[in-house]
Amino acid sequence: MTGKHLVALIVAPLILVGTALPAPAVTQLLNGLQVGNPVRHGGLTVFPLTSKASGSTRYLTLDKAIRKGDVKVQEKEGGTVSTVRVKNTSDRYVFGMAGEIITGAKQNRMLQRDVLLPPKSGWLDLSVYCVEQGRWHGASAEFGSKGQIAAGRIRGKAANTQSQSEVWAEVEANNEALGIVSSTRRYDAALDDHGVQDKIESYKKGLEKEVPKLAPNALGVAVAKGDRLVCVDVFGTCALFKKMWPRLLESYIIDAISQEPSGSMSKKEVAGFLRDGAQAKTVAQPAVGAGKLYRLEGDDATGQALVFGKEVVHLDLFPEDSESSPLRLDIRRQGLER
């Protein structure tokens, strides 16, 4: 064997390993984020995230596209819990976010992963989780949208475990914490409750306009419940974040009112978590439609990123266990020391 061939054998495995390193677009986005001054209401703290770099591509949101009739979502072949089918009939790209809820058909579901539907897509299979365990019937195979996104604790559990049973358990725990009883154990029963809605409105008054006012060019937010980081959501453009913000805020509020939080989190702690996320491995995932999808696997952070061209469309990041334990002390210290 020649020296040239030996070098090739040594280098080839290194190239394969390199595919698990951070994707450039993801690293660039996370490293370029600035953590703004927080806005607090009750036990919920929202940190605006800004960056000098911002994408330019504009997207329709799945919620709006469904309501307009530009996107059709249906049960697949009589009904499969983990899969639905979707078709974009518009001339624009449509963004759907992991955790976004579609209602009706045989049972309510939430999107398992981010998706970017290309124009005139034809029918595509979309992976989902069920968020209504006790129903399997419906007058129509069509899904609609109420503009809802699952609470951070549910999205985090899905991101960390990728388990339908864990998602069901988290939906049940969420409803129990809010004092909600549903015959079909559906997540959105909480959002239909007048008492819960009153609490949501109270939080909205204190937060909805304050974040855009404080950081008009924000690409996203980091959200903490007391001293526990719930999640990070970042978008490639300010325009897309503004479209998603009211619905995202409602999902964060559900986390805050489901359990009385204590303590607080600092900007430095959030910055430390983002730095950890920037070092996460990026593992390619099956993507539906346009763009590339990556699972993020860091020492203390799990999430996903949807990349289209050279731009990140959306990135989410959750602590290794977003509900049962606080952000790890060593990560918090890193944030304070750097």
Protein backbone atom coordinates (compact mmCIF):
# COMPACT_ATOMS: atom_id res chain seq x y z
CA MET A 1 0.00 0.00 0.00
CA THR A 2 1.40 3.40 -0.95
CA GLY A 3 1.71 6.34 1.43
CA LYS A 4 -0.88 8.18 -0.65
CA HIS A 5 -3.46 5.41 -0.15
CA LEU A 6 -2.68 5.22 3.57
CA VAL A 7 -3.32 8.97 3.97
CA ALA A 8 -6.65 8.59 2.16
CA LEU A 9 -7.74 5.84 4.55
CA ILE A 10 -6.81 7.98 7.55
CA VAL A 11 -8.51 11.15 6.28
CA ALA A 12 -11.78 9.56 5.13
CA PRO A 13 -13.08 8.72 8.65
CA LEU A 14 -12.23 12.24 9.78
CA ILE A 15 -14.46 13.65 7.05
CA LEU A 16 -17.34 11.46 8.21
CA VAL A 17 -16.90 12.59 11.80
CA GLY A 18 -16.85 16.19 10.60
CA THR A 19 -20.47 15.93 9.46
CA ALA A 20 -21.48 15.94 13.14
CA LEU A 21 -19.78 19.28 13.82
CA PRO A 22 -21.89 22.46 14.11
CA ALA A 23 -23.42 23.59 10.79
CA PRO A 24 -21.91 26.95 9.74
CA ALA A 25 -25.26 28.77 9.45
CA VAL A 26 -26.32 27.57 12.90
CA THR A 27 -23.01 28.47 14.55
CA GLN A 28 -22.95 31.87 12.89
CA LEU A 29 -26.48 32.68 14.05
CA LEU A 30 -25.94 31.59 17.67
CA ASN A 31 -22.51 33.24 17.99
CA GLY A 32 -23.89 36.50 16.61
CA LEU A 33 -26.80 36.79 19.04
CA GLN A 34 -26.88 39.55 21.64
CA VAL A 35 -28.95 39.06 24.79
CA GLY A 36 -31.05 42.13 25.52
CA ASN A 37 -32.42 43.46 28.79
CA PRO A 38 -35.20 41.22 30.08
CA VAL A 39 -38.90 41.94 30.38
CA ARG A 40 -40.55 40.34 33.39
CA HIS A 41 -44.14 39.68 34.40
CA GLY A 42 -45.05 37.39 37.26
CA GLY A 43 -42.58 34.51 37.15
CA LEU A 44 -41.96 34.77 33.39
CA THR A 45 -38.82 36.47 32.05
CA VAL A 46 -38.30 37.13 28.35
CA PHE A 47 -34.87 38.09 26.97
CA PRO A 48 -34.94 39.62 23.46
CA LEU A 49 -32.27 38.24 21.15
CA THR A 50 -30.83 40.49 18.44
CA SER A 51 -28.15 40.19 15.79
CA LYS A 52 -26.44 42.43 13.25
CA ALA A 53 -27.14 39.79 10.60
CA SER A 54 -30.68 39.09 9.43
CA GLY A 55 -32.03 37.10 6.51
CA SER A 56 -34.25 38.58 3.83
CA THR A 57 -36.51 35.73 2.71
CA ARG A 58 -40.20 36.16 3.55
CA TYR A 59 -42.50 33.29 4.37
CA LEU A 60 -46.17 32.66 4.93
CA THR A 61 -46.94 31.09 8.29
CA LEU A 62 -48.72 27.74 8.39
CA ASP A 63 -51.51 29.11 10.57
CA LYS A 64 -52.34 31.93 8.14
CA ALA A 65 -51.97 29.68 5.09
CA ILE A 66 -54.42 27.12 6.52
CA ARG A 67 -56.93 29.83 7.38
CA LYS A 68 -56.67 31.30 3.87
CA GLY A 69 -57.06 27.88 2.28
CA ASP A 70 -53.58 28.04 0.72
CA VAL A 71 -52.49 24.94 2.65
CA LYS A 72 -54.51 21.77 3.09
CA VAL A 73 -53.77 19.33 5.92
CA GLN A 74 -55.52 15.95 6.05
CA GLU A 75 -55.42 12.58 7.75
CA LYS A 76 -53.34 10.09 5.82
CA GLU A 77 -55.21 7.09 4.38
CA GLY A 78 -57.90 6.86 7.04
CA GLY A 79 -55.64 8.03 9.86
CA THR A 80 -52.13 7.41 11.18
CA VAL A 81 -51.24 8.86 14.57
CA SER A 82 -47.70 9.91 13.67
CA THR A 83 -48.27 11.16 10.11
CA VAL A 84 -50.57 13.57 8.28
CA ARG A 85 -50.40 14.83 4.72
CA VAL A 86 -50.05 18.44 3.67
CA LYS A 87 -50.21 20.41 0.41
CA ASN A 88 -49.24 24.01 -0.31
CA THR A 89 -51.25 25.43 -3.21
CA SER A 90 -49.83 28.97 -2.95
CA ASP A 91 -46.94 30.58 -4.85
CA ARG A 92 -44.98 31.26 -1.65
CA TYR A 93 -42.92 29.26 0.83
CA VAL A 94 -44.89 28.35 3.97
CA PHE A 95 -43.20 27.87 7.35
CA GLY A 96 -44.62 25.51 9.97
CA MET A 97 -42.98 25.33 13.41
CA ALA A 98 -42.36 22.28 15.57
CA GLY A 99 -45.00 22.35 18.32
CA GLU A 100 -47.55 24.15 16.15
CA ILE A 101 -50.98 22.59 16.68
CA ILE A 102 -53.42 21.50 14.00
CA THR A 103 -56.94 20.70 15.17
CA GLY A 104 -59.85 18.54 14.06
CA ALA A 105 -59.86 15.40 11.87
CA LYS A 106 -59.53 12.27 14.06
CA GLN A 107 -57.45 13.91 16.80
CA ASN A 108 -55.44 17.09 17.37
CA ARG A 109 -51.74 16.92 16.53
CA MET A 110 -48.65 19.09 16.81
CA LEU A 111 -45.86 19.29 14.26
CA GLN A 112 -42.92 17.10 15.19
CA ARG A 113 -40.34 19.14 13.27
CA ASP A 114 -40.04 22.48 11.52
CA VAL A 115 -41.12 22.38 7.90
CA LEU A 116 -40.78 24.69 4.91
CA LEU A 117 -43.38 23.88 2.27
CA PRO A 118 -42.31 24.88 -1.24
CA PRO A 119 -44.74 26.64 -3.60
CA LYS A 120 -47.18 24.28 -5.32
CA SER A 121 -45.75 21.43 -3.27
CA GLY A 122 -48.18 18.64 -4.03
CA TRP A 123 -49.06 16.25 -1.20
CA LEU A 124 -46.26 15.63 1.35
CA ASP A 125 -46.16 13.42 4.45
CA LEU A 126 -45.60 15.35 7.68
CA SER A 127 -44.48 13.85 11.01
CA VAL A 128 -46.64 14.83 14.00
CA TYR A 129 -47.29 14.04 17.65
CA CYS A 130 -50.78 13.50 19.01
CA VAL A 131 -51.89 16.01 21.67
CA GLU A 132 -55.37 14.55 22.20
CA GLN A 133 -55.04 11.00 23.43
CA GLY A 134 -58.72 10.13 23.97
CA ARG A 135 -60.27 10.71 20.53
CA TRP A 136 -60.02 8.84 17.23
CA HIS A 137 -62.97 10.02 15.17
CA GLY A 138 -64.05 13.13 13.29
CA ALA A 139 -66.65 14.45 10.89
CA SER A 140 -63.93 15.40 8.40
CA ALA A 141 -60.41 14.32 7.45
CA GLU A 142 -59.39 17.98 7.23
CA PHE A 143 -57.38 19.82 9.89
CA GLY A 144 -57.77 23.46 10.83
CA SER A 145 -55.75 25.86 12.95
CA LYS A 146 -56.59 27.90 16.04
CA GLY A 147 -53.20 29.60 15.94
CA GLN A 148 -51.85 27.61 18.89
CA ILE A 149 -48.34 26.45 19.75
CA ALA A 150 -47.71 23.88 22.47
CA ALA A 151 -46.20 25.06 25.74
CA GLY A 152 -42.42 25.06 26.05
CA ARG A 153 -42.43 22.16 28.53
CA ILE A 154 -44.24 19.99 25.94
CA ARG A 155 -42.00 21.09 23.07
CA GLY A 156 -38.95 20.51 25.25
CA LYS A 157 -40.07 17.02 26.22
CA ALA A 158 -40.63 16.18 22.55
CA ALA A 159 -37.21 17.55 21.60
CA ASN A 160 -35.40 15.66 24.36
CA THR A 161 -37.20 12.31 24.18
CA GLN A 162 -38.73 12.14 20.66
CA SER A 163 -41.39 9.95 22.29
CA GLN A 164 -45.15 10.05 21.72
CA SER A 165 -45.84 8.53 25.14
CA GLU A 166 -43.73 11.23 26.80
CA VAL A 167 -45.63 13.93 24.89
CA TRP A 168 -48.96 12.47 26.07
CA ALA A 169 -47.67 12.36 29.64
CA GLU A 170 -46.54 16.00 29.44
CA VAL A 171 -49.89 17.14 28.01
CA GLU A 172 -51.65 15.39 30.88
CA ALA A 173 -49.28 16.91 33.46
CA ASN A 174 -49.82 20.36 31.93
CA ASN A 175 -53.60 20.08 32.12
CA GLU A 176 -53.47 18.70 35.66
CA ALA A 177 -51.26 21.59 36.79
CA LEU A 178 -53.79 24.04 35.32
CA GLY A 179 -56.74 22.22 36.90
CA ILE A 180 -58.16 21.27 33.50
CA VAL A 181 -60.21 18.11 32.94
CA SER A 182 -60.78 17.00 29.35
CA SER A 183 -62.67 13.87 28.31
CA THR A 184 -60.31 13.42 25.35
CA ARG A 185 -57.23 14.69 27.20
CA ARG A 186 -56.61 17.41 24.62
CA TYR A 187 -53.96 20.07 25.16
CA ASP A 188 -56.07 22.97 23.88
CA ALA A 189 -58.76 22.35 26.51
CA ALA A 190 -56.66 24.60 28.75
CA LEU A 191 -56.78 27.39 26.17
CA ASP A 192 -60.58 27.15 26.03
CA ASP A 193 -60.90 27.62 29.79
CA HIS A 194 -62.04 31.12 30.84
CA GLY A 195 -59.94 31.11 34.01
CA VAL A 196 -56.79 30.22 32.09
CA GLN A 197 -57.60 32.81 29.43
CA ASP A 198 -57.93 35.53 32.07
CA LYS A 199 -54.45 34.70 33.36
CA ILE A 200 -53.04 34.64 29.82
CA GLU A 201 -54.49 38.08 29.11
CA SER A 202 -52.92 39.46 32.28
CA TYR A 203 -49.49 38.29 31.15
CA LYS A 204 -50.05 39.51 27.59
CA LYS A 205 -50.74 43.02 28.82
CA GLY A 206 -47.41 43.03 30.61
CA LEU A 207 -45.30 41.42 27.86
CA GLU A 208 -46.75 41.39 24.34
CA LYS A 209 -45.88 44.98 23.36
CA GLU A 210 -42.88 45.39 25.64
CA VAL A 211 -40.50 43.00 23.87
CA PRO A 212 -40.97 44.57 20.37
CA LYS A 213 -40.73 48.01 21.97
CA LEU A 214 -37.51 47.13 23.81
CA ALA A 215 -35.93 45.36 20.81
CA PRO A 216 -37.70 46.23 17.54
CA ASN A 217 -35.11 44.27 15.55
CA ALA A 218 -35.28 41.11 17.66
CA LEU A 219 -34.89 37.77 15.87
CA GLY A 220 -36.20 35.79 18.81
CA VAL A 221 -36.26 35.32 22.56
CA ALA A 222 -34.90 33.26 25.42
CA VAL A 223 -37.59 32.46 27.97
CA ALA A 224 -37.15 31.65 31.65
CA LYS A 225 -39.69 30.58 34.26
CA GLY A 226 -38.20 31.73 37.53
CA ASP A 227 -34.64 30.40 37.58
CA ARG A 228 -35.34 27.72 34.95
CA LEU A 229 -34.68 28.30 31.30
CA VAL A 230 -37.67 27.05 29.30
CA CYS A 231 -36.51 27.49 25.71
CA VAL A 232 -34.85 29.62 23.06
CA ASP A 233 -36.59 30.45 19.78
CA VAL A 234 -34.68 32.31 17.08
CA PHE A 235 -35.75 33.09 13.52
CA GLY A 236 -33.75 34.06 10.47
CA THR A 237 -35.67 37.30 9.96
CA CYS A 238 -37.25 39.92 12.21
CA ALA A 239 -40.38 39.75 10.06
CA LEU A 240 -40.93 36.05 10.73
CA PHE A 241 -40.34 36.47 14.47
CA LYS A 242 -42.93 39.28 14.61
CA LYS A 243 -45.47 37.05 12.88
CA MET A 244 -44.87 34.23 15.34
CA TRP A 245 -44.43 36.32 18.52
CA PRO A 246 -48.07 36.61 19.75
CA ARG A 247 -48.64 32.86 19.48
CA LEU A 248 -45.26 32.02 20.96
CA LEU A 249 -45.91 34.32 23.90
CA GLU A 250 -49.16 32.53 24.69
CA SER A 251 -47.31 29.20 24.74
CA TYR A 252 -44.68 30.62 27.11
CA ILE A 253 -47.38 32.00 29.41
CA ILE A 254 -48.91 28.54 29.77
CA ASP A 255 -45.56 27.39 31.16
CA ALA A 256 -45.51 30.23 33.69
CA ILE A 257 -49.04 29.80 35.03
CA SER A 258 -48.96 26.00 35.20
CA GLN A 259 -46.53 26.12 38.14
CA GLU A 260 -45.55 28.95 40.46
CA PRO A 261 -41.91 29.72 39.61
CA SER A 262 -39.28 31.10 41.95
CA GLY A 263 -35.91 32.79 41.54
CA SER A 264 -34.67 34.54 38.41
CA MET A 265 -32.20 34.17 35.56
CA SER A 266 -29.59 36.64 34.33
CA LYS A 267 -28.44 37.77 30.89
CA LYS A 268 -25.04 36.17 31.52
CA GLU A 269 -26.61 32.80 32.22
CA VAL A 270 -28.60 32.97 28.99
CA ALA A 271 -25.48 33.99 27.05
CA GLY A 272 -23.65 30.99 28.48
CA PHE A 273 -26.41 28.67 27.34
CA LEU A 274 -26.30 30.13 23.82
CA ARG A 275 -22.54 29.58 23.70
CA ASP A 276 -23.08 25.94 24.61
CA GLY A 277 -25.70 25.66 21.90
CA ALA A 278 -23.27 27.06 19.34
CA GLN A 279 -20.96 24.11 20.07
CA ALA A 280 -23.70 21.52 19.63
CA LYS A 281 -23.30 18.75 17.08
CA THR A 282 -25.66 19.07 14.12
CA VAL A 283 -27.08 15.78 12.93
CA ALA A 284 -28.99 15.80 9.64
CA GLN A 285 -32.66 14.82 9.97
CA PRO A 286 -35.22 13.77 7.36
CA ALA A 287 -36.61 17.02 5.96
CA VAL A 288 -39.99 17.51 4.33
CA GLY A 289 -40.20 20.08 1.56
CA ALA A 290 -37.50 22.71 1.16
CA GLY A 291 -34.36 23.29 3.19
CA LYS A 292 -32.19 21.13 5.43
CA LEU A 293 -33.15 20.09 8.94
CA TYR A 294 -30.66 19.44 11.74
CA ARG A 295 -31.01 18.04 15.23
CA LEU A 296 -28.81 19.94 17.71
CA GLU A 297 -27.13 17.82 20.38
CA GLY A 298 -25.02 19.73 22.91
CA ASP A 299 -23.73 18.85 26.36
CA ASP A 300 -26.69 20.59 27.97
CA ALA A 301 -28.87 21.67 25.05
CA THR A 302 -31.11 19.90 22.57
CA GLY A 303 -33.03 21.37 19.68
CA GLN A 304 -33.33 21.67 15.94
CA ALA A 305 -32.56 24.10 13.14
CA LEU A 306 -34.18 24.49 9.74
CA VAL A 307 -31.76 25.94 7.18
CA PHE A 308 -32.78 27.19 3.74
CA GLY A 309 -29.94 28.21 1.45
CA LYS A 310 -27.44 29.99 3.69
CA GLU A 311 -30.06 31.22 6.18
CA VAL A 312 -31.52 29.66 9.30
CA VAL A 313 -35.31 29.82 9.06
CA HIS A 314 -35.91 28.86 12.70
CA LEU A 315 -33.87 27.41 15.52
CA ASP A 316 -35.08 26.18 18.88
CA LEU A 317 -33.01 25.13 21.85
CA PHE A 318 -34.07 23.48 25.11
CA PRO A 319 -32.13 22.61 28.27
CA GLU A 320 -31.42 18.90 28.50
CA ASP A 321 -34.46 18.61 30.75
CA SER A 322 -36.44 21.81 30.34
CA GLU A 323 -38.89 21.17 33.18
CA SER A 324 -37.59 18.90 35.92
CA SER A 325 -34.21 20.50 36.57
CA PRO A 326 -32.74 24.02 36.37
CA LEU A 327 -30.01 25.02 33.96
CA ARG A 328 -26.96 23.13 35.15
CA LEU A 329 -24.77 24.97 37.62
CA ASP A 330 -21.56 24.49 35.62
CA ILE A 331 -23.17 26.12 32.56
CA ARG A 332 -24.43 28.98 34.71
CA ARG A 333 -20.91 29.50 36.08
CA GLN A 334 -19.46 29.51 32.57
CA GLY A 335 -21.86 32.29 31.67
CA LEU A 336 -20.81 34.31 34.71
CA GLU A 337 -17.07 33.78 34.30
CA ARG A 338 -16.65 34.44 30.56
